[in-house]
Amino acid sequence: VMMPLRLALVGALQGPDVFDIMYLIGKAE
């Protein structure tokens, strides 16, 4: 679950916590 979710958000398997990313970019994004 978490790897494809990160890939969707970032485009790669990198970056800070996925939930922090989701919170900052917002629900719609």
PDB file of all heavy atoms in Angstrom:
ATOM      1  N   VAL A   1       0.824  -1.206   0.000  1.00  0.00           N
ATOM      2  CA  VAL A   1       0.000   0.000   0.000  1.00  0.00           C
ATOM      3  C   VAL A   1       0.865   1.266   0.000  1.00  0.00           C
ATOM      4  O   VAL A   1       0.652   2.184  -0.797  1.00  0.00           O
ATOM      5  CB  VAL A   1      -0.941   0.025   1.221  1.00  0.00           C
ATOM      6  CG1 VAL A   1      -1.770   1.307   1.225  1.00  0.00           C
ATOM      7  CG2 VAL A   1      -1.821  -1.210   1.250  1.00  0.00           C
ATOM      8  N   MET A   2       1.844   1.296   0.882  1.00  0.00           N
ATOM      9  CA  MET A   2       2.596   2.531   1.091  1.00  0.00           C
ATOM     10  C   MET A   2       3.521   2.865  -0.081  1.00  0.00           C
ATOM     11  O   MET A   2       3.728   4.046  -0.388  1.00  0.00           O
ATOM     12  CB  MET A   2       3.399   2.450   2.394  1.00  0.00           C
ATOM     13  CG  MET A   2       2.546   2.212   3.643  1.00  0.00           C
ATOM     14  SD  MET A   2       1.206   3.393   3.827  1.00  0.00           S
ATOM     15  CE  MET A   2       2.109   4.860   4.262  1.00  0.00           C
ATOM     16  N   MET A   3       4.101   1.837  -0.721  1.00  0.00           N
ATOM     17  CA  MET A   3       4.993   2.138  -1.845  1.00  0.00           C
ATOM     18  C   MET A   3       4.236   2.733  -3.031  1.00  0.00           C
ATOM     19  O   MET A   3       4.642   3.773  -3.560  1.00  0.00           O
ATOM     20  CB  MET A   3       5.792   0.897  -2.258  1.00  0.00           C
ATOM     21  CG  MET A   3       6.975   0.610  -1.338  1.00  0.00           C
ATOM     22  SD  MET A   3       8.236  -0.456  -2.084  1.00  0.00           S
ATOM     23  CE  MET A   3       7.312  -1.980  -2.270  1.00  0.00           C
ATOM     24  N   PRO A   4       3.129   2.131  -3.485  1.00  0.00           N
ATOM     25  CA  PRO A   4       2.408   2.779  -4.590  1.00  0.00           C
ATOM     26  C   PRO A   4       1.816   4.131  -4.186  1.00  0.00           C
ATOM     27  O   PRO A   4       1.721   5.037  -5.023  1.00  0.00           O
ATOM     28  CB  PRO A   4       1.329   1.777  -4.960  1.00  0.00           C
ATOM     29  CG  PRO A   4       1.230   0.831  -3.827  1.00  0.00           C
ATOM     30  CD  PRO A   4       2.573   0.797  -3.194  1.00  0.00           C
ATOM     31  N   LEU A   5       1.429   4.276  -2.925  1.00  0.00           N
ATOM     32  CA  LEU A   5       0.908   5.561  -2.471  1.00  0.00           C
ATOM     33  C   LEU A   5       1.998   6.641  -2.565  1.00  0.00           C
ATOM     34  O   LEU A   5       1.750   7.748  -3.047  1.00  0.00           O
ATOM     35  CB  LEU A   5       0.403   5.444  -1.033  1.00  0.00           C
ATOM     36  CG  LEU A   5      -0.111   6.730  -0.363  1.00  0.00           C
ATOM     37  CD1 LEU A   5      -1.194   7.387  -1.216  1.00  0.00           C
ATOM     38  CD2 LEU A   5      -0.620   6.427   1.037  1.00  0.00           C
ATOM     39  N   ARG A   6       3.200   6.316  -2.107  1.00  0.00           N
ATOM     40  CA  ARG A   6       4.312   7.277  -2.212  1.00  0.00           C
ATOM     41  C   ARG A   6       4.629   7.578  -3.674  1.00  0.00           C
ATOM     42  O   ARG A   6       4.893   8.733  -4.039  1.00  0.00           O
ATOM     43  CB  ARG A   6       5.548   6.738  -1.503  1.00  0.00           C
ATOM     44  CG  ARG A   6       6.731   7.692  -1.527  1.00  0.00           C
ATOM     45  CD  ARG A   6       7.922   7.160  -0.750  1.00  0.00           C
ATOM     46  NE  ARG A   6       7.660   7.105   0.679  1.00  0.00           N
ATOM     47  CZ  ARG A   6       7.733   8.142   1.496  1.00  0.00           C
ATOM     48  NH1 ARG A   6       8.033   9.344   1.003  1.00  0.00           N
ATOM     49  NH2 ARG A   6       7.492   7.994   2.776  1.00  0.00           N
ATOM     50  N   LEU A   7       4.632   6.547  -4.515  1.00  0.00           N
ATOM     51  CA  LEU A   7       4.909   6.741  -5.932  1.00  0.00           C
ATOM     52  C   LEU A   7       3.896   7.704  -6.547  1.00  0.00           C
ATOM     53  O   LEU A   7       4.254   8.584  -7.342  1.00  0.00           O
ATOM     54  CB  LEU A   7       4.881   5.401  -6.662  1.00  0.00           C
ATOM     55  CG  LEU A   7       5.254   5.412  -8.151  1.00  0.00           C
ATOM     56  CD1 LEU A   7       6.717   5.815  -8.329  1.00  0.00           C
ATOM     57  CD2 LEU A   7       5.005   4.044  -8.784  1.00  0.00           C
ATOM     58  N   ALA A   8       2.630   7.552  -6.159  1.00  0.00           N
ATOM     59  CA  ALA A   8       1.581   8.428  -6.686  1.00  0.00           C
ATOM     60  C   ALA A   8       1.789   9.876  -6.265  1.00  0.00           C
ATOM     61  O   ALA A   8       1.588  10.806  -7.048  1.00  0.00           O
ATOM     62  CB  ALA A   8       0.213   7.941  -6.208  1.00  0.00           C
ATOM     63  N   LEU A   9       2.199  10.070  -5.021  1.00  0.00           N
ATOM     64  CA  LEU A   9       2.343  11.423  -4.479  1.00  0.00           C
ATOM     65  C   LEU A   9       3.609  12.115  -4.952  1.00  0.00           C
ATOM     66  O   LEU A   9       3.617  13.323  -5.196  1.00  0.00           O
ATOM     67  CB  LEU A   9       2.337  11.367  -2.944  1.00  0.00           C
ATOM     68  CG  LEU A   9       1.080  10.821  -2.270  1.00  0.00           C
ATOM     69  CD1 LEU A   9       1.324  10.666  -0.773  1.00  0.00           C
ATOM     70  CD2 LEU A   9      -0.111  11.736  -2.526  1.00  0.00           C
ATOM     71  N   VAL A  10       4.697  11.346  -5.072  1.00  0.00           N
ATOM     72  CA  VAL A  10       6.022  11.926  -5.312  1.00  0.00           C
ATOM     73  C   VAL A  10       6.534  11.684  -6.725  1.00  0.00           C
ATOM     74  O   VAL A  10       7.275  12.501  -7.274  1.00  0.00           O
ATOM     75  CB  VAL A  10       7.030  11.364  -4.275  1.00  0.00           C
ATOM     76  CG1 VAL A  10       8.433  11.878  -4.527  1.00  0.00           C
ATOM     77  CG2 VAL A  10       6.580  11.700  -2.865  1.00  0.00           C
ATOM     78  N   GLY A  11       6.166  10.533  -7.291  1.00  0.00           N
ATOM     79  CA  GLY A  11       6.724  10.133  -8.578  1.00  0.00           C
ATOM     80  C   GLY A  11       7.943   9.258  -8.414  1.00  0.00           C
ATOM     81  O   GLY A  11       8.540   8.799  -9.378  1.00  0.00           O
ATOM     82  N   ALA A  12       8.343   9.011  -7.163  1.00  0.00           N
ATOM     83  CA  ALA A  12       9.505   8.186  -6.842  1.00  0.00           C
ATOM     84  C   ALA A  12       9.339   7.698  -5.403  1.00  0.00           C
ATOM     85  O   ALA A  12       8.433   8.130  -4.689  1.00  0.00           O
ATOM     86  CB  ALA A  12      10.789   8.986  -6.996  1.00  0.00           C
ATOM     87  N   LEU A  13      10.201   6.783  -5.001  1.00  0.00           N
ATOM     88  CA  LEU A  13      10.145   6.259  -3.629  1.00  0.00           C
ATOM     89  C   LEU A  13      11.096   7.064  -2.747  1.00  0.00           C
ATOM     90  O   LEU A  13      12.107   6.568  -2.268  1.00  0.00           O
ATOM     91  CB  LEU A  13      10.482   4.760  -3.617  1.00  0.00           C
ATOM     92  CG  LEU A  13       9.518   3.873  -4.403  1.00  0.00           C
ATOM     93  CD1 LEU A  13       9.940   2.409  -4.312  1.00  0.00           C
ATOM     94  CD2 LEU A  13       8.083   4.049  -3.914  1.00  0.00           C
ATOM     95  N   GLN A  14      10.751   8.331  -2.540  1.00  0.00           N
ATOM     96  CA  GLN A  14      11.584   9.210  -1.731  1.00  0.00           C
ATOM     97  C   GLN A  14      10.695  10.236  -1.055  1.00  0.00           C
ATOM     98  O   GLN A  14       9.494  10.294  -1.298  1.00  0.00           O
ATOM     99  CB  GLN A  14      12.619   9.928  -2.597  1.00  0.00           C
ATOM    100  CG  GLN A  14      11.992  10.901  -3.603  1.00  0.00           C
ATOM    101  CD  GLN A  14      13.014  11.554  -4.506  1.00  0.00           C
ATOM    102  OE1 GLN A  14      13.787  10.873  -5.160  1.00  0.00           O
ATOM    103  NE2 GLN A  14      13.002  12.874  -4.554  1.00  0.00           N
ATOM    104  N   GLY A  15      11.303  11.032  -0.178  1.00  0.00           N
ATOM    105  CA  GLY A  15      10.554  12.107   0.462  1.00  0.00           C
ATOM    106  C   GLY A  15      10.208  11.804   1.901  1.00  0.00           C
ATOM    107  O   GLY A  15      10.418  10.699   2.402  1.00  0.00           O
ATOM    108  N   PRO A  16       9.645  12.790   2.611  1.00  0.00           N
ATOM    109  CA  PRO A  16       9.268  12.601   4.016  1.00  0.00           C
ATOM    110  C   PRO A  16       8.044  11.707   4.158  1.00  0.00           C
ATOM    111  O   PRO A  16       7.566  11.107   3.178  1.00  0.00           O
ATOM    112  CB  PRO A  16       8.976  14.033   4.481  1.00  0.00           C
ATOM    113  CG  PRO A  16       8.638  14.791   3.246  1.00  0.00           C
ATOM    114  CD  PRO A  16       9.422  14.158   2.144  1.00  0.00           C
ATOM    115  N   ASP A  17       7.531  11.601   5.345  1.00  0.00           N
ATOM    116  CA  ASP A  17       6.395  10.721   5.633  1.00  0.00           C
ATOM    117  C   ASP A  17       5.232  11.018   4.675  1.00  0.00           C
ATOM    118  O   ASP A  17       4.864  12.181   4.456  1.00  0.00           O
ATOM    119  CB  ASP A  17       5.949  10.934   7.081  1.00  0.00           C
ATOM    120  CG  ASP A  17       4.887   9.942   7.513  1.00  0.00           C
ATOM    121  OD1 ASP A  17       3.689  10.254   7.315  1.00  0.00           O
ATOM    122  OD2 ASP A  17       5.255   8.882   8.030  1.00  0.00           O
ATOM    123  N   VAL A  18       4.618   9.957   4.111  1.00  0.00           N
ATOM    124  CA  VAL A  18       3.551  10.148   3.120  1.00  0.00           C
ATOM    125  C   VAL A  18       2.362  10.891   3.708  1.00  0.00           C
ATOM    126  O   VAL A  18       1.683  11.654   3.009  1.00  0.00           O
ATOM    127  CB  VAL A  18       3.091   8.804   2.516  1.00  0.00           C
ATOM    128  CG1 VAL A  18       4.170   8.202   1.653  1.00  0.00           C
ATOM    129  CG2 VAL A  18       2.647   7.838   3.588  1.00  0.00           C
ATOM    130  N   PHE A  19       2.089  10.685   4.990  1.00  0.00           N
ATOM    131  CA  PHE A  19       0.935  11.350   5.594  1.00  0.00           C
ATOM    132  C   PHE A  19       1.185  12.845   5.757  1.00  0.00           C
ATOM    133  O   PHE A  19       0.248  13.650   5.658  1.00  0.00           O
ATOM    134  CB  PHE A  19       0.588  10.686   6.928  1.00  0.00           C
ATOM    135  CG  PHE A  19       0.240   9.227   6.769  1.00  0.00           C
ATOM    136  CD1 PHE A  19       1.097   8.242   7.223  1.00  0.00           C
ATOM    137  CD2 PHE A  19      -0.922   8.851   6.124  1.00  0.00           C
ATOM    138  CE1 PHE A  19       0.794   6.903   7.057  1.00  0.00           C
ATOM    139  CE2 PHE A  19      -1.254   7.507   5.954  1.00  0.00           C
ATOM    140  CZ  PHE A  19      -0.382   6.531   6.423  1.00  0.00           C
ATOM    141  N   ASP A  20       2.432  13.227   5.980  1.00  0.00           N
ATOM    142  CA  ASP A  20       2.773  14.649   5.992  1.00  0.00           C
ATOM    143  C   ASP A  20       2.588  15.255   4.603  1.00  0.00           C
ATOM    144  O   ASP A  20       2.094  16.380   4.456  1.00  0.00           O
ATOM    145  CB  ASP A  20       4.218  14.856   6.449  1.00  0.00           C
ATOM    146  CG  ASP A  20       4.410  14.623   7.935  1.00  0.00           C
ATOM    147  OD1 ASP A  20       3.507  14.993   8.709  1.00  0.00           O
ATOM    148  OD2 ASP A  20       5.459  14.084   8.317  1.00  0.00           O
ATOM    149  N   ILE A  21       2.992  14.503   3.578  1.00  0.00           N
ATOM    150  CA  ILE A  21       2.824  14.991   2.201  1.00  0.00           C
ATOM    151  C   ILE A  21       1.345  15.171   1.886  1.00  0.00           C
ATOM    152  O   ILE A  21       0.917  16.213   1.364  1.00  0.00           O
ATOM    153  CB  ILE A  21       3.473  14.018   1.193  1.00  0.00           C
ATOM    154  CG1 ILE A  21       4.975  13.891   1.450  1.00  0.00           C
ATOM    155  CG2 ILE A  21       3.213  14.492  -0.239  1.00  0.00           C
ATOM    156  CD1 ILE A  21       5.662  12.819   0.605  1.00  0.00           C
ATOM    157  N   MET A  22       0.546  14.163   2.221  1.00  0.00           N
ATOM    158  CA  MET A  22      -0.893  14.224   1.936  1.00  0.00           C
ATOM    159  C   MET A  22      -1.545  15.411   2.639  1.00  0.00           C
ATOM    160  O   MET A  22      -2.361  16.128   2.061  1.00  0.00           O
ATOM    161  CB  MET A  22      -1.559  12.916   2.367  1.00  0.00           C
ATOM    162  CG  MET A  22      -1.109  11.706   1.551  1.00  0.00           C
ATOM    163  SD  MET A  22      -1.533  10.123   2.320  1.00  0.00           S
ATOM    164  CE  MET A  22      -3.294  10.080   2.016  1.00  0.00           C
ATOM    165  N   TYR A  23      -1.189  15.598   3.887  1.00  0.00           N
ATOM    166  CA  TYR A  23      -1.771  16.702   4.656  1.00  0.00           C
ATOM    167  C   TYR A  23      -1.449  18.054   4.026  1.00  0.00           C
ATOM    168  O   TYR A  23      -2.319  18.915   3.866  1.00  0.00           O
ATOM    169  CB  TYR A  23      -1.267  16.651   6.098  1.00  0.00           C
ATOM    170  CG  TYR A  23      -1.605  17.888   6.892  1.00  0.00           C
ATOM    171  CD1 TYR A  23      -2.921  18.154   7.277  1.00  0.00           C
ATOM    172  CD2 TYR A  23      -0.618  18.804   7.225  1.00  0.00           C
ATOM    173  CE1 TYR A  23      -3.238  19.303   7.987  1.00  0.00           C
ATOM    174  CE2 TYR A  23      -0.922  19.954   7.930  1.00  0.00           C
ATOM    175  CZ  TYR A  23      -2.232  20.200   8.314  1.00  0.00           C
ATOM    176  OH  TYR A  23      -2.552  21.340   9.008  1.00  0.00           O
ATOM    177  N   LEU A  24      -0.188  18.243   3.612  1.00  0.00           N
ATOM    178  CA  LEU A  24       0.220  19.543   3.085  1.00  0.00           C
ATOM    179  C   LEU A  24      -0.353  19.820   1.693  1.00  0.00           C
ATOM    180  O   LEU A  24      -0.758  20.955   1.406  1.00  0.00           O
ATOM    181  CB  LEU A  24       1.740  19.668   3.070  1.00  0.00           C
ATOM    182  CG  LEU A  24       2.408  19.999   4.401  1.00  0.00           C
ATOM    183  CD1 LEU A  24       3.899  20.244   4.205  1.00  0.00           C
ATOM    184  CD2 LEU A  24       1.797  21.247   5.040  1.00  0.00           C
ATOM    185  N   ILE A  25      -0.390  18.822   0.833  1.00  0.00           N
ATOM    186  CA  ILE A  25      -0.910  19.097  -0.514  1.00  0.00           C
ATOM    187  C   ILE A  25      -2.436  19.126  -0.522  1.00  0.00           C
ATOM    188  O   ILE A  25      -3.048  19.652  -1.461  1.00  0.00           O
ATOM    189  CB  ILE A  25      -0.373  18.081  -1.552  1.00  0.00           C
ATOM    190  CG1 ILE A  25      -0.895  16.669  -1.286  1.00  0.00           C
ATOM    191  CG2 ILE A  25       1.154  18.130  -1.607  1.00  0.00           C
ATOM    192  CD1 ILE A  25      -0.484  15.654  -2.352  1.00  0.00           C
ATOM    193  N   GLY A  26      -3.059  18.572   0.522  1.00  0.00           N
ATOM    194  CA  GLY A  26      -4.513  18.648   0.656  1.00  0.00           C
ATOM    195  C   GLY A  26      -5.240  17.458   0.052  1.00  0.00           C
ATOM    196  O   GLY A  26      -4.689  16.675  -0.733  1.00  0.00           O
ATOM    197  N   LYS A  27      -6.501  17.317   0.435  1.00  0.00           N
ATOM    198  CA  LYS A  27      -7.296  16.154   0.026  1.00  0.00           C
ATOM    199  C   LYS A  27      -7.488  16.090  -1.485  1.00  0.00           C
ATOM    200  O   LYS A  27      -7.270  15.039  -2.106  1.00  0.00           O
ATOM    201  CB  LYS A  27      -8.667  16.186   0.713  1.00  0.00           C
ATOM    202  CG  LYS A  27      -9.555  14.991   0.349  1.00  0.00           C
ATOM    203  CD  LYS A  27     -10.960  15.109   0.914  1.00  0.00           C
ATOM    204  CE  LYS A  27     -10.972  14.874   2.408  1.00  0.00           C
ATOM    205  NZ  LYS A  27     -12.368  14.786   2.940  1.00  0.00           N
ATOM    206  N   ALA A  28      -7.885  17.189  -2.084  1.00  0.00           N
ATOM    207  CA  ALA A  28      -8.184  17.168  -3.519  1.00  0.00           C
ATOM    208  C   ALA A  28      -6.952  16.803  -4.336  1.00  0.00           C
ATOM    209  O   ALA A  28      -7.032  15.982  -5.262  1.00  0.00           O
ATOM    210  CB  ALA A  28      -8.721  18.530  -3.957  1.00  0.00           C
ATOM    211  N   GLU A  29      -5.809  17.396  -4.000  1.00  0.00           N
ATOM    212  CA  GLU A  29      -4.579  17.094  -4.743  1.00  0.00           C
ATOM    213  C   GLU A  29      -4.137  15.660  -4.497  1.00  0.00           C
ATOM    214  O   GLU A  29      -3.641  14.983  -5.410  1.00  0.00           O
ATOM    215  CB  GLU A  29      -3.473  18.071  -4.343  1.00  0.00           C
ATOM    216  CG  GLU A  29      -2.142  17.867  -5.049  1.00  0.00           C
ATOM    217  CD  GLU A  29      -2.177  18.162  -6.539  1.00  0.00           C
ATOM    218  OE1 GLU A  29      -3.127  18.842  -7.001  1.00  0.00           O
ATOM    219  OE2 GLU A  29      -1.260  17.701  -7.251  1.00  0.00           O
TER     220      GLU A  29
END
